[in-house]
Amino acid sequence: MKRTIAFVLVLLTSLFSLTPIGLADSPVTSTPFSEAYQDIDLVRYAAEQGTMDKKLAAYLASVKNPIDVKASIINALSWNTEGKTNADIYASLIYKKPVKSLDTTMLSGEELFVVGYLLLMDDYFHPLKALPYLEKARQKKPNSFTIAIIHAIARAQQGFNCDVQKNIDNIMHNPKLTRELRQDAIKIITDYLDLYKSDICEEKPTIPPPVTVTATLKNNAVQLTWTHSQRQDKLDGYYVYRQQSGEESTKIPLTDFPILKNTYTDANIENGATYTYTVQAIYSDGMKTPMSKPVSIRAGTSEKTKTIILQIGNKYMTVNGAKKEIDPGRSTVPVTRNGRTLLPIRALIEEMGGEVEWDAHQEKISIYARGTRIELWLNEKTIMVNGLRHTIDVPPQLIKTRTMVPLRFITEQLDCDVEWDGKTQKVTIHLAP
């Protein structure tokens, strides 16, 4: 009886809103798990403030703070029907730019989670804004229960269906996930989500998927075509899904609305990358086909490999044969310390198309390159790579007023092909695009 009443309430809520689940009674707004963290001062402070500030932003941005407390702070900031702007305030305080200007490839899993959950709480009427961030956070931190369950809440907010129910069940019974959240917090979440469970996972007759999906390159874009679904009545259209080589698959379609025709042009591609596409038909009665057979294509041709050569004691490096100073105007040279090569890293990273930031207060070097974020601290052997802790044997050091960074670990993390010549003390770095 309880489940029946809850299901009717969900249907009524959906009918009287413009989103799948839109009013105050919803997965986002009815799971106040921060109540299980009221012993933490900053959680209570967030609930009192309701608005992001420097104090809260600093805590959320620190890699040293536990993710369950971060989630509880965001949860405590809460929501209102007019919407909030905590995500943009946070991005401005930490990254000096709005959320829409962030390069998500440079963010760690926890950073993506913080931004995604803030977006979800800010505008729970439109969970699709938050889902890409939470999806990528799960990919980068696949063993985090906290990220997994918040991602599940976001999916439930978009619309509770069989896939969502199965996903929640899988999360709750997955022994590989690290349960950072307190048990009382988990109970607050599951007690509410259990109200939505129904018989929505009953077997339904399947409709054959779209067939003969083809992909061709045309005008720097991928042109997709497929044969129309066998069932045409009540057809809303098609969703196209894309997976890039080296990345996990995503359940977020390339378009917000179903595609009405049996063609689609994907212009948002990178030269040299390989993409795999699948197509699914969607119907107004809730039916959908299985995914089509995947089709893969390589976008264009890759650029030539860049070769950089450095030498111990030499202030110059060569880039594809052109001589350039490693540390312009300062004559700094690569040196060895305890068997490791150290050098000022900025010029090298910039040749890779990346950026280097120096935080004098924390004595921290942040490297953003080739889709990887590396954080190092002066004289510290513990470093962070995409939010994960690593240990190096020789830390960054201050040598003759210049910050010197160990070369081998950096090039390994950036997936470079490196040759070490002991006789000439030359280091040759090959950069594939």
Foldseek 3Di string as FASTA:
>chain_A
DLLVVLQVVQVVQCVPDPFSHADCQALLNQQLLLVVVVVDPLLVVLLVVLADDLVLLVQLPDLPHDLQVNLNSLSSSAADNVFDQRLQVSCCNPVVGGPVPDDLLAAFLSRLQNSLSNRCRRHVRCLVVSLVSLQVSCQRVVQALVSQLSNLRSVVSRPDAPVSVVSVVCSVPPPSHDDPHDPSSVCSSCVSVVSNDDVRVPDDDAFAWWDPWDWDDDPQKIKIFTHDTPDDPQWQAKFKFKDWPPGDGDPDGPDPGHDHHRMDIGNPDDAFIKMKMWMKIAGPVGHIHPIYDIDMDTRHHFDAKWKWKFAAPFQWIAINRRIDGQDPPPSWHWHDDPRFIKDQCAVVLVVQVWGWDADPVQQKIWIGGQSWIKIFHEPAQWIAISSDIDGDDGGFYQDPNGTIGGDPVVCVSNVWDWDADPVRRMIMTIGTD
